[in-house]
Amino acid sequence: MPFDAFRSALSSAVSSSPESPGSSAPVAIFDSGLGGLSVLRAVRAALPDERLIYVADSLYAPYGERDDDFIADRTLAIGEWLVSQGAKTLVVACNTATAQSIAQTRERLAVPVIGVEPGIKPAALTSQTRVVGVLATAVTLRSARFQALAERHTGDCEFILQPGHGLVQAVERCDTNSPELVALLRSYVQPMLDANADTLVLGCTHYPFLDEAIRSIAGNRLTLIDTSVAIARQLERQLDSFGLRAAPAQAQAIELPRFYSTNDGQALRQLAASLLGLDVAVEHVVIPSRRTLALESDPV
């Protein structure tokens, strides 16, 4: 069922019932790896009654090193799998996947799809020096979606674009403050400070977990723009718009998120425990797609 049909089917149910069919279904959150946990954290704070499913495609992370077709292929395959698990909406909690495949994913899936994008607009509104650093994956920075976003909000503001090579990999191995990581971050952040930047856009959902390390370099000289809270608010608006908001649950009935990983899941479980305080099991899941089937069939 295309999304337009989904929208039409919901309209009568919403008008006749305060809790439309499907409102108790889970919200799905997907990322190439662990970065989407920053979005999950914000969603849990804003919408504590919602059931959540999180999928990390860690076997194929980081997406920033993949080609555009691979990213679109994986995003759609995982989105379809999550819908098959009963998800009522999908949050693509990955800037790279949003930049390359959000339009196709919205066209193909029969549920509302919410993407993420770097906080260019709030950064431009925040900066006093009119110099803003943007830290994102190379794929995000080169995407037409990002370039159009930056052009809309440039005005008198200078954006310093910096690919964050190696940062996703660091977070994926739960390294958020080692001397090696801080040295790498310094090589990215110091030139921004030297150029009088006063604002830094964290243009990848992995990067909020590096805020302490960034602060060790920049102190209070940079305002960090993390869009995870804005994503949670947009999800809340979408759920209300379609009558999909979960009814208030009794405290003892609130479920912990369900976590899945295409890898062994150990890093996901470790980061969820250390940064979110969630001690939960991570289930391994195999989600085949056109490109990964081709990889598996290639001769070694």
C-alpha atoms as a PDB file:
ATOM      1  CA  MET A   1       0.000   0.000   0.000  1.00  0.00           C
ATOM      2  CA  PRO A   2       1.553   3.331  -0.992  1.00  0.00           C
ATOM      3  CA  PHE A   3       1.755   6.022   1.690  1.00  0.00           C
ATOM      4  CA  ASP A   4      -1.050   8.112   0.118  1.00  0.00           C
ATOM      5  CA  ALA A   5      -3.391   5.140   0.497  1.00  0.00           C
ATOM      6  CA  PHE A   6      -2.201   4.673   4.080  1.00  0.00           C
ATOM      7  CA  ARG A   7      -3.011   8.337   4.764  1.00  0.00           C
ATOM      8  CA  SER A   8      -6.509   7.984   3.303  1.00  0.00           C
ATOM      9  CA  ALA A   9      -7.239   4.771   5.175  1.00  0.00           C
ATOM     10  CA  LEU A  10      -6.310   6.397   8.461  1.00  0.00           C
ATOM     11  CA  SER A  11      -8.435   9.509   8.050  1.00  0.00           C
ATOM     12  CA  SER A  12     -11.793   7.914   8.883  1.00  0.00           C
ATOM     13  CA  ALA A  13     -10.349   5.914  11.762  1.00  0.00           C
ATOM     14  CA  VAL A  14      -8.777   8.999  13.276  1.00  0.00           C
ATOM     15  CA  SER A  15     -12.043  10.933  13.112  1.00  0.00           C
ATOM     16  CA  SER A  16     -14.024   8.181  14.805  1.00  0.00           C
ATOM     17  CA  SER A  17     -11.614   7.040  17.529  1.00  0.00           C
ATOM     18  CA  PRO A  18      -9.128   8.819  19.804  1.00  0.00           C
ATOM     19  CA  GLU A  19      -6.845   5.764  19.538  1.00  0.00           C
ATOM     20  CA  SER A  20      -6.830   4.619  15.938  1.00  0.00           C
ATOM     21  CA  PRO A  21      -5.890   1.055  14.937  1.00  0.00           C
ATOM     22  CA  GLY A  22      -2.159   0.663  14.994  1.00  0.00           C
ATOM     23  CA  SER A  23      -1.436   3.279  17.640  1.00  0.00           C
ATOM     24  CA  SER A  24      -0.043   0.584  19.953  1.00  0.00           C
ATOM     25  CA  ALA A  25       2.353  -0.594  17.243  1.00  0.00           C
ATOM     26  CA  PRO A  26       6.050   0.245  17.646  1.00  0.00           C
ATOM     27  CA  VAL A  27       8.026   3.151  16.246  1.00  0.00           C
ATOM     28  CA  ALA A  28      11.050   1.935  14.279  1.00  0.00           C
ATOM     29  CA  ILE A  29      14.421   3.692  14.397  1.00  0.00           C
ATOM     30  CA  PHE A  30      17.137   2.716  11.947  1.00  0.00           C
ATOM     31  CA  ASP A  31      20.771   3.705  11.580  1.00  0.00           C
ATOM     32  CA  SER A  32      23.809   2.332   9.821  1.00  0.00           C
ATOM     33  CA  GLY A  33      25.197   1.606  13.266  1.00  0.00           C
ATOM     34  CA  LEU A  34      25.137   3.032  16.757  1.00  0.00           C
ATOM     35  CA  GLY A  35      24.673   6.748  16.103  1.00  0.00           C
ATOM     36  CA  GLY A  36      20.899   6.541  16.024  1.00  0.00           C
ATOM     37  CA  LEU A  37      20.988   5.814  19.743  1.00  0.00           C
ATOM     38  CA  SER A  38      21.243   9.583  20.181  1.00  0.00           C
ATOM     39  CA  VAL A  39      17.877   9.875  18.409  1.00  0.00           C
ATOM     40  CA  LEU A  40      16.412   6.980  20.387  1.00  0.00           C
ATOM     41  CA  ARG A  41      17.460   8.750  23.593  1.00  0.00           C
ATOM     42  CA  ALA A  42      15.585  11.901  22.538  1.00  0.00           C
ATOM     43  CA  VAL A  43      12.512   9.938  21.400  1.00  0.00           C
ATOM     44  CA  ARG A  44      12.299   8.066  24.705  1.00  0.00           C
ATOM     45  CA  ALA A  45      12.443  11.367  26.583  1.00  0.00           C
ATOM     46  CA  ALA A  46       9.757  13.029  24.444  1.00  0.00           C
ATOM     47  CA  LEU A  47       7.482  10.013  23.908  1.00  0.00           C
ATOM     48  CA  PRO A  48       7.883   7.674  26.885  1.00  0.00           C
ATOM     49  CA  ASP A  49       4.745   5.667  26.090  1.00  0.00           C
ATOM     50  CA  GLU A  50       5.895   4.562  22.647  1.00  0.00           C
ATOM     51  CA  ARG A  51       7.204   1.071  21.979  1.00  0.00           C
ATOM     52  CA  LEU A  52      10.489   1.259  20.079  1.00  0.00           C
ATOM     53  CA  ILE A  53      12.435  -1.013  17.726  1.00  0.00           C
ATOM     54  CA  TYR A  54      16.013  -0.117  16.856  1.00  0.00           C
ATOM     55  CA  VAL A  55      18.005  -1.670  14.009  1.00  0.00           C
ATOM     56  CA  ALA A  56      21.729  -1.092  13.555  1.00  0.00           C
ATOM     57  CA  ASP A  57      23.106  -2.175  10.173  1.00  0.00           C
ATOM     58  CA  SER A  58      26.549  -2.456  11.778  1.00  0.00           C
ATOM     59  CA  LEU A  59      27.705  -5.259   9.495  1.00  0.00           C
ATOM     60  CA  TYR A  60      27.832  -2.731   6.649  1.00  0.00           C
ATOM     61  CA  ALA A  61      28.725   0.427   8.593  1.00  0.00           C
ATOM     62  CA  PRO A  62      29.875   3.070   8.053  1.00  0.00           C
ATOM     63  CA  TYR A  63      27.574   4.151   5.236  1.00  0.00           C
ATOM     64  CA  GLY A  64      29.788   7.180   4.665  1.00  0.00           C
ATOM     65  CA  GLU A  65      32.222   4.886   2.864  1.00  0.00           C
ATOM     66  CA  ARG A  66      29.554   3.229   0.689  1.00  0.00           C
ATOM     67  CA  ASP A  67      28.274   4.252  -2.728  1.00  0.00           C
ATOM     68  CA  ASP A  68      24.882   5.907  -3.132  1.00  0.00           C
ATOM     69  CA  ASP A  69      23.145   2.828  -4.569  1.00  0.00           C
ATOM     70  CA  PHE A  70      24.319   0.639  -1.700  1.00  0.00           C
ATOM     71  CA  ILE A  71      22.984   3.127   0.860  1.00  0.00           C
ATOM     72  CA  ALA A  72      19.596   3.351  -0.851  1.00  0.00           C
ATOM     73  CA  ASP A  73      19.419  -0.441  -1.202  1.00  0.00           C
ATOM     74  CA  ARG A  74      20.089  -1.063   2.485  1.00  0.00           C
ATOM     75  CA  THR A  75      17.803   1.722   3.711  1.00  0.00           C
ATOM     76  CA  LEU A  76      14.851   0.401   1.735  1.00  0.00           C
ATOM     77  CA  ALA A  77      15.479  -3.244   2.663  1.00  0.00           C
ATOM     78  CA  ILE A  78      15.678  -2.466   6.376  1.00  0.00           C
ATOM     79  CA  GLY A  79      12.660  -0.187   6.173  1.00  0.00           C
ATOM     80  CA  GLU A  80      10.634  -2.942   4.519  1.00  0.00           C
ATOM     81  CA  TRP A  81      11.754  -5.424   7.181  1.00  0.00           C
ATOM     82  CA  LEU A  82      10.716  -3.080   9.967  1.00  0.00           C
ATOM     83  CA  VAL A  83       7.300  -2.523   8.398  1.00  0.00           C
ATOM     84  CA  SER A  84       6.937  -6.315   8.180  1.00  0.00           C
ATOM     85  CA  GLN A  85       7.570  -6.398  11.936  1.00  0.00           C
ATOM     86  CA  GLY A  86       4.551  -4.126  12.440  1.00  0.00           C
ATOM     87  CA  ALA A  87       6.223  -0.717  12.748  1.00  0.00           C
ATOM     88  CA  LYS A  88       3.748   2.171  12.435  1.00  0.00           C
ATOM     89  CA  THR A  89       6.373   4.724  11.437  1.00  0.00           C
ATOM     90  CA  LEU A  90      10.066   4.777  10.545  1.00  0.00           C
ATOM     91  CA  VAL A  91      12.738   7.191  11.702  1.00  0.00           C
ATOM     92  CA  VAL A  92      15.783   7.035   9.438  1.00  0.00           C
ATOM     93  CA  ALA A  93      18.214   8.158  12.149  1.00  0.00           C
ATOM     94  CA  CYS A  94      21.152   8.423   9.780  1.00  0.00           C
ATOM     95  CA  ASN A  95      22.116  11.625   7.978  1.00  0.00           C
ATOM     96  CA  THR A  96      23.876   9.726   5.200  1.00  0.00           C
ATOM     97  CA  ALA A  97      20.896   7.444   4.531  1.00  0.00           C
ATOM     98  CA  THR A  98      18.494  10.399   4.655  1.00  0.00           C
ATOM     99  CA  ALA A  99      20.594  12.403   2.231  1.00  0.00           C
ATOM    100  CA  GLN A 100      20.763   9.617  -0.324  1.00  0.00           C
ATOM    101  CA  SER A 101      17.503   7.684  -0.060  1.00  0.00           C
ATOM    102  CA  ILE A 102      14.736   9.362   1.927  1.00  0.00           C
ATOM    103  CA  ALA A 103      12.584  10.231  -1.113  1.00  0.00           C
ATOM    104  CA  GLN A 104      12.670   6.683  -2.481  1.00  0.00           C
ATOM    105  CA  THR A 105      12.003   5.209   0.958  1.00  0.00           C
ATOM    106  CA  ARG A 106       8.976   7.438   1.491  1.00  0.00           C
ATOM    107  CA  GLU A 107       7.642   6.464  -1.927  1.00  0.00           C
ATOM    108  CA  ARG A 108       7.979   2.743  -1.280  1.00  0.00           C
ATOM    109  CA  LEU A 109       6.914   2.333   2.350  1.00  0.00           C
ATOM    110  CA  ALA A 110       3.295   2.420   3.521  1.00  0.00           C
ATOM    111  CA  VAL A 111       4.062   4.225   6.789  1.00  0.00           C
ATOM    112  CA  PRO A 112       5.205   7.756   7.649  1.00  0.00           C
ATOM    113  CA  VAL A 113       8.983   8.109   7.238  1.00  0.00           C
ATOM    114  CA  ILE A 114      10.986  10.755   9.112  1.00  0.00           C
ATOM    115  CA  GLY A 115      14.538  11.574   8.116  1.00  0.00           C
ATOM    116  CA  VAL A 116      17.296  13.597   9.684  1.00  0.00           C
ATOM    117  CA  GLU A 117      19.443  16.359   8.284  1.00  0.00           C
ATOM    118  CA  PRO A 118      22.230  18.557   9.649  1.00  0.00           C
ATOM    119  CA  GLY A 119      21.044  21.542  11.689  1.00  0.00           C
ATOM    120  CA  ILE A 120      22.086  24.205   9.171  1.00  0.00           C
ATOM    121  CA  LYS A 121      19.104  26.450   9.812  1.00  0.00           C
ATOM    122  CA  PRO A 122      19.362  26.571  13.633  1.00  0.00           C
ATOM    123  CA  ALA A 123      23.142  27.032  13.311  1.00  0.00           C
ATOM    124  CA  ALA A 124      22.692  30.021  11.015  1.00  0.00           C
ATOM    125  CA  LEU A 125      20.193  31.513  13.457  1.00  0.00           C
ATOM    126  CA  THR A 126      22.504  30.876  16.424  1.00  0.00           C
ATOM    127  CA  SER A 127      25.903  32.053  15.182  1.00  0.00           C
ATOM    128  CA  GLN A 128      27.042  35.502  16.272  1.00  0.00           C
ATOM    129  CA  THR A 129      30.342  35.482  14.378  1.00  0.00           C
ATOM    130  CA  ARG A 130      28.561  34.245  11.206  1.00  0.00           C
ATOM    131  CA  VAL A 131      31.093  31.407  10.883  1.00  0.00           C
ATOM    132  CA  VAL A 132      29.719  27.880  11.366  1.00  0.00           C
ATOM    133  CA  GLY A 133      31.543  24.572  11.294  1.00  0.00           C
ATOM    134  CA  VAL A 134      29.766  21.542   9.855  1.00  0.00           C
ATOM    135  CA  LEU A 135      31.062  18.090  10.765  1.00  0.00           C
ATOM    136  CA  ALA A 136      29.429  15.337   8.697  1.00  0.00           C
ATOM    137  CA  THR A 137      30.236  12.314   6.573  1.00  0.00           C
ATOM    138  CA  ALA A 138      31.649  12.909   3.108  1.00  0.00           C
ATOM    139  CA  VAL A 139      28.551  11.331   1.544  1.00  0.00           C
ATOM    140  CA  THR A 140      26.255  13.726   3.407  1.00  0.00           C
ATOM    141  CA  LEU A 141      28.324  16.774   2.465  1.00  0.00           C
ATOM    142  CA  ARG A 142      28.395  15.900  -1.232  1.00  0.00           C
ATOM    143  CA  SER A 143      24.690  15.042  -1.475  1.00  0.00           C
ATOM    144  CA  ALA A 144      22.352  17.252  -3.461  1.00  0.00           C
ATOM    145  CA  ARG A 145      19.995  17.332  -0.474  1.00  0.00           C
ATOM    146  CA  PHE A 146      22.665  18.821   1.799  1.00  0.00           C
ATOM    147  CA  GLN A 147      23.911  21.281  -0.799  1.00  0.00           C
ATOM    148  CA  ALA A 148      20.386  22.580  -1.355  1.00  0.00           C
ATOM    149  CA  LEU A 149      19.906  22.904   2.405  1.00  0.00           C
ATOM    150  CA  ALA A 150      23.135  24.866   2.803  1.00  0.00           C
ATOM    151  CA  GLU A 151      22.300  27.170  -0.109  1.00  0.00           C
ATOM    152  CA  ARG A 152      18.924  28.030   1.420  1.00  0.00           C
ATOM    153  CA  HIS A 153      20.472  29.181   4.687  1.00  0.00           C
ATOM    154  CA  THR A 154      23.882  30.538   3.744  1.00  0.00           C
ATOM    155  CA  GLY A 155      23.013  34.250   3.497  1.00  0.00           C
ATOM    156  CA  ASP A 156      25.801  36.140   5.259  1.00  0.00           C
ATOM    157  CA  CYS A 157      26.942  32.995   7.102  1.00  0.00           C
ATOM    158  CA  GLU A 158      30.128  31.135   6.165  1.00  0.00           C
ATOM    159  CA  PHE A 159      30.010  27.351   6.519  1.00  0.00           C
ATOM    160  CA  ILE A 160      33.228  25.404   7.025  1.00  0.00           C
ATOM    161  CA  LEU A 161      32.503  21.862   5.796  1.00  0.00           C
ATOM    162  CA  GLN A 162      34.602  19.105   7.338  1.00  0.00           C
ATOM    163  CA  PRO A 163      34.210  15.381   6.565  1.00  0.00           C
ATOM    164  CA  GLY A 164      34.527  13.451   9.820  1.00  0.00           C
ATOM    165  CA  HIS A 165      36.686  10.615   8.521  1.00  0.00           C
ATOM    166  CA  GLY A 166      37.179   7.991  11.233  1.00  0.00           C
ATOM    167  CA  LEU A 167      34.648   9.355  13.719  1.00  0.00           C
ATOM    168  CA  VAL A 168      31.831   6.918  12.974  1.00  0.00           C
ATOM    169  CA  GLN A 169      34.270   4.028  13.247  1.00  0.00           C
ATOM    170  CA  ALA A 170      35.435   5.328  16.637  1.00  0.00           C
ATOM    171  CA  VAL A 171      31.898   5.482  18.031  1.00  0.00           C
ATOM    172  CA  GLU A 172      31.131   2.053  16.562  1.00  0.00           C
ATOM    173  CA  ARG A 173      33.948   0.600  18.651  1.00  0.00           C
ATOM    174  CA  CYS A 174      32.708   2.599  21.694  1.00  0.00           C
ATOM    175  CA  ASP A 175      35.677   4.980  21.630  1.00  0.00           C
ATOM    176  CA  THR A 176      34.396   8.412  22.625  1.00  0.00           C
ATOM    177  CA  ASN A 177      37.352   9.931  24.476  1.00  0.00           C
ATOM    178  CA  SER A 178      40.662   8.171  23.770  1.00  0.00           C
ATOM    179  CA  PRO A 179      43.775  10.335  23.174  1.00  0.00           C
ATOM    180  CA  GLU A 180      43.807   9.169  19.547  1.00  0.00           C
ATOM    181  CA  LEU A 181      40.184  10.194  19.049  1.00  0.00           C
ATOM    182  CA  VAL A 182      40.724  13.594  20.679  1.00  0.00           C
ATOM    183  CA  ALA A 183      43.740  14.197  18.422  1.00  0.00           C
ATOM    184  CA  LEU A 184      41.649  13.339  15.355  1.00  0.00           C
ATOM    185  CA  LEU A 185      38.838  15.621  16.489  1.00  0.00           C
ATOM    186  CA  ARG A 186      41.315  18.408  17.163  1.00  0.00           C
ATOM    187  CA  SER A 187      42.530  18.233  13.562  1.00  0.00           C
ATOM    188  CA  TYR A 188      38.933  18.866  12.462  1.00  0.00           C
ATOM    189  CA  VAL A 189      37.805  21.393  15.077  1.00  0.00           C
ATOM    190  CA  GLN A 190      40.878  23.581  15.584  1.00  0.00           C
ATOM    191  CA  PRO A 191      40.809  25.062  12.047  1.00  0.00           C
ATOM    192  CA  MET A 192      37.179  26.043  12.668  1.00  0.00           C
ATOM    193  CA  LEU A 193      38.151  27.797  15.892  1.00  0.00           C
ATOM    194  CA  ASP A 194      41.043  29.509  14.104  1.00  0.00           C
ATOM    195  CA  ALA A 195      38.533  30.789  11.529  1.00  0.00           C
ATOM    196  CA  ASN A 196      36.410  32.298  14.357  1.00  0.00           C
ATOM    197  CA  ALA A 197      33.590  29.759  14.207  1.00  0.00           C
ATOM    198  CA  ASP A 198      31.297  29.924  17.231  1.00  0.00           C
ATOM    199  CA  THR A 199      28.859  27.165  16.233  1.00  0.00           C
ATOM    200  CA  LEU A 200      29.389  23.534  15.222  1.00  0.00           C
ATOM    201  CA  VAL A 201      26.765  21.413  13.465  1.00  0.00           C
ATOM    202  CA  LEU A 202      26.967  17.752  14.461  1.00  0.00           C
ATOM    203  CA  GLY A 203      25.907  16.455  11.059  1.00  0.00           C
ATOM    204  CA  CYS A 204      25.877  12.744  11.882  1.00  0.00           C
ATOM    205  CA  THR A 205      23.847  11.027  14.585  1.00  0.00           C
ATOM    206  CA  HIS A 206      27.032   9.348  15.856  1.00  0.00           C
ATOM    207  CA  TYR A 207      28.630  12.673  16.701  1.00  0.00           C
ATOM    208  CA  PRO A 208      26.562  13.742  19.756  1.00  0.00           C
ATOM    209  CA  PHE A 209      28.331  10.952  21.636  1.00  0.00           C
ATOM    210  CA  LEU A 210      31.560  12.900  21.036  1.00  0.00           C
ATOM    211  CA  ASP A 211      30.334  16.116  22.651  1.00  0.00           C
ATOM    212  CA  GLU A 212      32.513  15.693  25.746  1.00  0.00           C
ATOM    213  CA  ALA A 213      35.610  15.166  23.609  1.00  0.00           C
ATOM    214  CA  ILE A 214      34.741  18.223  21.511  1.00  0.00           C
ATOM    215  CA  ARG A 215      34.294  20.253  24.677  1.00  0.00           C
ATOM    216  CA  SER A 216      37.762  19.188  25.826  1.00  0.00           C
ATOM    217  CA  ILE A 217      39.116  20.901  22.705  1.00  0.00           C
ATOM    218  CA  ALA A 218      36.812  23.891  22.252  1.00  0.00           C
ATOM    219  CA  GLY A 219      35.585  24.568  25.773  1.00  0.00           C
ATOM    220  CA  ASN A 220      32.633  26.950  25.532  1.00  0.00           C
ATOM    221  CA  ARG A 221      33.788  28.579  22.311  1.00  0.00           C
ATOM    222  CA  LEU A 222      31.430  26.454  20.194  1.00  0.00           C
ATOM    223  CA  THR A 223      27.676  26.000  20.449  1.00  0.00           C
ATOM    224  CA  LEU A 224      26.963  22.410  19.404  1.00  0.00           C
ATOM    225  CA  ILE A 225      23.898  21.859  17.222  1.00  0.00           C
ATOM    226  CA  ASP A 226      22.392  18.396  17.731  1.00  0.00           C
ATOM    227  CA  THR A 227      19.085  17.827  15.914  1.00  0.00           C
ATOM    228  CA  SER A 228      17.979  14.708  17.815  1.00  0.00           C
ATOM    229  CA  VAL A 229      15.491  16.672  19.948  1.00  0.00           C
ATOM    230  CA  ALA A 230      14.010  18.292  16.817  1.00  0.00           C
ATOM    231  CA  ILE A 231      13.626  14.830  15.265  1.00  0.00           C
ATOM    232  CA  ALA A 232      11.724  13.617  18.321  1.00  0.00           C
ATOM    233  CA  ARG A 233       9.407  16.631  18.084  1.00  0.00           C
ATOM    234  CA  GLN A 234       8.770  15.968  14.400  1.00  0.00           C
ATOM    235  CA  LEU A 235       7.968  12.335  15.207  1.00  0.00           C
ATOM    236  CA  GLU A 236       5.522  13.511  17.867  1.00  0.00           C
ATOM    237  CA  ARG A 237       3.805  15.797  15.328  1.00  0.00           C
ATOM    238  CA  GLN A 238       3.566  12.993  12.773  1.00  0.00           C
ATOM    239  CA  LEU A 239       2.107  10.519  15.247  1.00  0.00           C
ATOM    240  CA  ASP A 240      -0.492  13.047  16.378  1.00  0.00           C
ATOM    241  CA  SER A 241      -1.311  13.997  12.783  1.00  0.00           C
ATOM    242  CA  PHE A 242      -2.138  10.399  11.824  1.00  0.00           C
ATOM    243  CA  GLY A 243      -3.741   9.386  15.097  1.00  0.00           C
ATOM    244  CA  LEU A 244      -0.894   6.995  15.830  1.00  0.00           C
ATOM    245  CA  ARG A 245       0.203   8.332  19.234  1.00  0.00           C
ATOM    246  CA  ALA A 246       0.299   5.567  21.828  1.00  0.00           C
ATOM    247  CA  ALA A 247      -2.129   5.812  24.720  1.00  0.00           C
ATOM    248  CA  PRO A 248      -0.548   6.600  28.103  1.00  0.00           C
ATOM    249  CA  ALA A 249       0.805   3.416  29.655  1.00  0.00           C
ATOM    250  CA  GLN A 250       1.054   2.395  33.252  1.00  0.00           C
ATOM    251  CA  ALA A 251       4.622   2.835  34.465  1.00  0.00           C
ATOM    252  CA  GLN A 252       5.086  -0.883  35.004  1.00  0.00           C
ATOM    253  CA  ALA A 253       3.785  -1.635  31.493  1.00  0.00           C
ATOM    254  CA  ILE A 254       6.283   0.510  29.556  1.00  0.00           C
ATOM    255  CA  GLU A 255       8.501  -1.730  27.441  1.00  0.00           C
ATOM    256  CA  LEU A 256      12.208  -1.345  26.934  1.00  0.00           C
ATOM    257  CA  PRO A 257      13.265  -0.831  23.307  1.00  0.00           C
ATOM    258  CA  ARG A 258      13.959  -3.921  21.224  1.00  0.00           C
ATOM    259  CA  PHE A 259      17.414  -3.862  19.689  1.00  0.00           C
ATOM    260  CA  TYR A 260      18.569  -5.644  16.547  1.00  0.00           C
ATOM    261  CA  SER A 261      21.939  -5.646  14.806  1.00  0.00           C
ATOM    262  CA  THR A 262      23.143  -7.144  11.541  1.00  0.00           C
ATOM    263  CA  ASN A 263      26.482  -7.661  13.310  1.00  0.00           C
ATOM    264  CA  ASP A 264      27.083  -9.477  16.606  1.00  0.00           C
ATOM    265  CA  GLY A 265      25.521  -6.595  18.561  1.00  0.00           C
ATOM    266  CA  GLN A 266      28.152  -6.393  21.314  1.00  0.00           C
ATOM    267  CA  ALA A 267      29.117  -2.790  20.595  1.00  0.00           C
ATOM    268  CA  LEU A 268      25.438  -1.787  20.418  1.00  0.00           C
ATOM    269  CA  ARG A 269      24.738  -3.391  23.784  1.00  0.00           C
ATOM    270  CA  GLN A 270      27.829  -1.767  25.333  1.00  0.00           C
ATOM    271  CA  LEU A 271      26.987   1.727  24.081  1.00  0.00           C
ATOM    272  CA  ALA A 272      23.319   1.414  25.063  1.00  0.00           C
ATOM    273  CA  ALA A 273      24.428   0.457  28.570  1.00  0.00           C
ATOM    274  CA  SER A 274      27.149   3.072  29.011  1.00  0.00           C
ATOM    275  CA  LEU A 275      25.461   6.070  27.380  1.00  0.00           C
ATOM    276  CA  LEU A 276      21.740   5.351  27.795  1.00  0.00           C
ATOM    277  CA  GLY A 277      21.727   3.225  30.937  1.00  0.00           C
ATOM    278  CA  LEU A 278      19.898   0.411  29.133  1.00  0.00           C
ATOM    279  CA  ASP A 279      21.026  -3.128  29.908  1.00  0.00           C
ATOM    280  CA  VAL A 280      19.213  -5.032  27.177  1.00  0.00           C
ATOM    281  CA  ALA A 281      19.830  -7.946  24.876  1.00  0.00           C
ATOM    282  CA  VAL A 282      20.607  -7.295  21.224  1.00  0.00           C
ATOM    283  CA  GLU A 283      19.188  -9.773  18.731  1.00  0.00           C
ATOM    284  CA  HIS A 284      21.129 -10.642  15.595  1.00  0.00           C
ATOM    285  CA  VAL A 285      19.105 -10.195  12.412  1.00  0.00           C
ATOM    286  CA  VAL A 286      19.824 -11.004   8.780  1.00  0.00           C
ATOM    287  CA  ILE A 287      18.202  -8.553   6.367  1.00  0.00           C
ATOM    288  CA  PRO A 288      19.191  -9.437   2.801  1.00  0.00           C
ATOM    289  CA  SER A 289      19.143  -6.883   0.013  1.00  0.00           C
ATOM    290  CA  ARG A 290      20.086  -6.752  -3.643  1.00  0.00           C
ATOM    291  CA  ARG A 291      23.561  -5.348  -3.022  1.00  0.00           C
ATOM    292  CA  THR A 292      24.466  -7.569  -0.081  1.00  0.00           C
ATOM    293  CA  LEU A 293      23.319 -10.688  -1.918  1.00  0.00           C
ATOM    294  CA  ALA A 294      25.611  -9.634  -4.760  1.00  0.00           C
ATOM    295  CA  LEU A 295      28.491  -9.192  -2.307  1.00  0.00           C
ATOM    296  CA  GLU A 296      27.938 -12.664  -0.846  1.00  0.00           C
ATOM    297  CA  SER A 297      27.844 -14.254  -4.281  1.00  0.00           C
ATOM    298  CA  ASP A 298      31.091 -12.636  -5.479  1.00  0.00           C
ATOM    299  CA  PRO A 299      33.967 -15.120  -5.687  1.00  0.00           C
ATOM    300  CA  VAL A 300      36.688 -14.637  -3.073  1.00  0.00           C
END
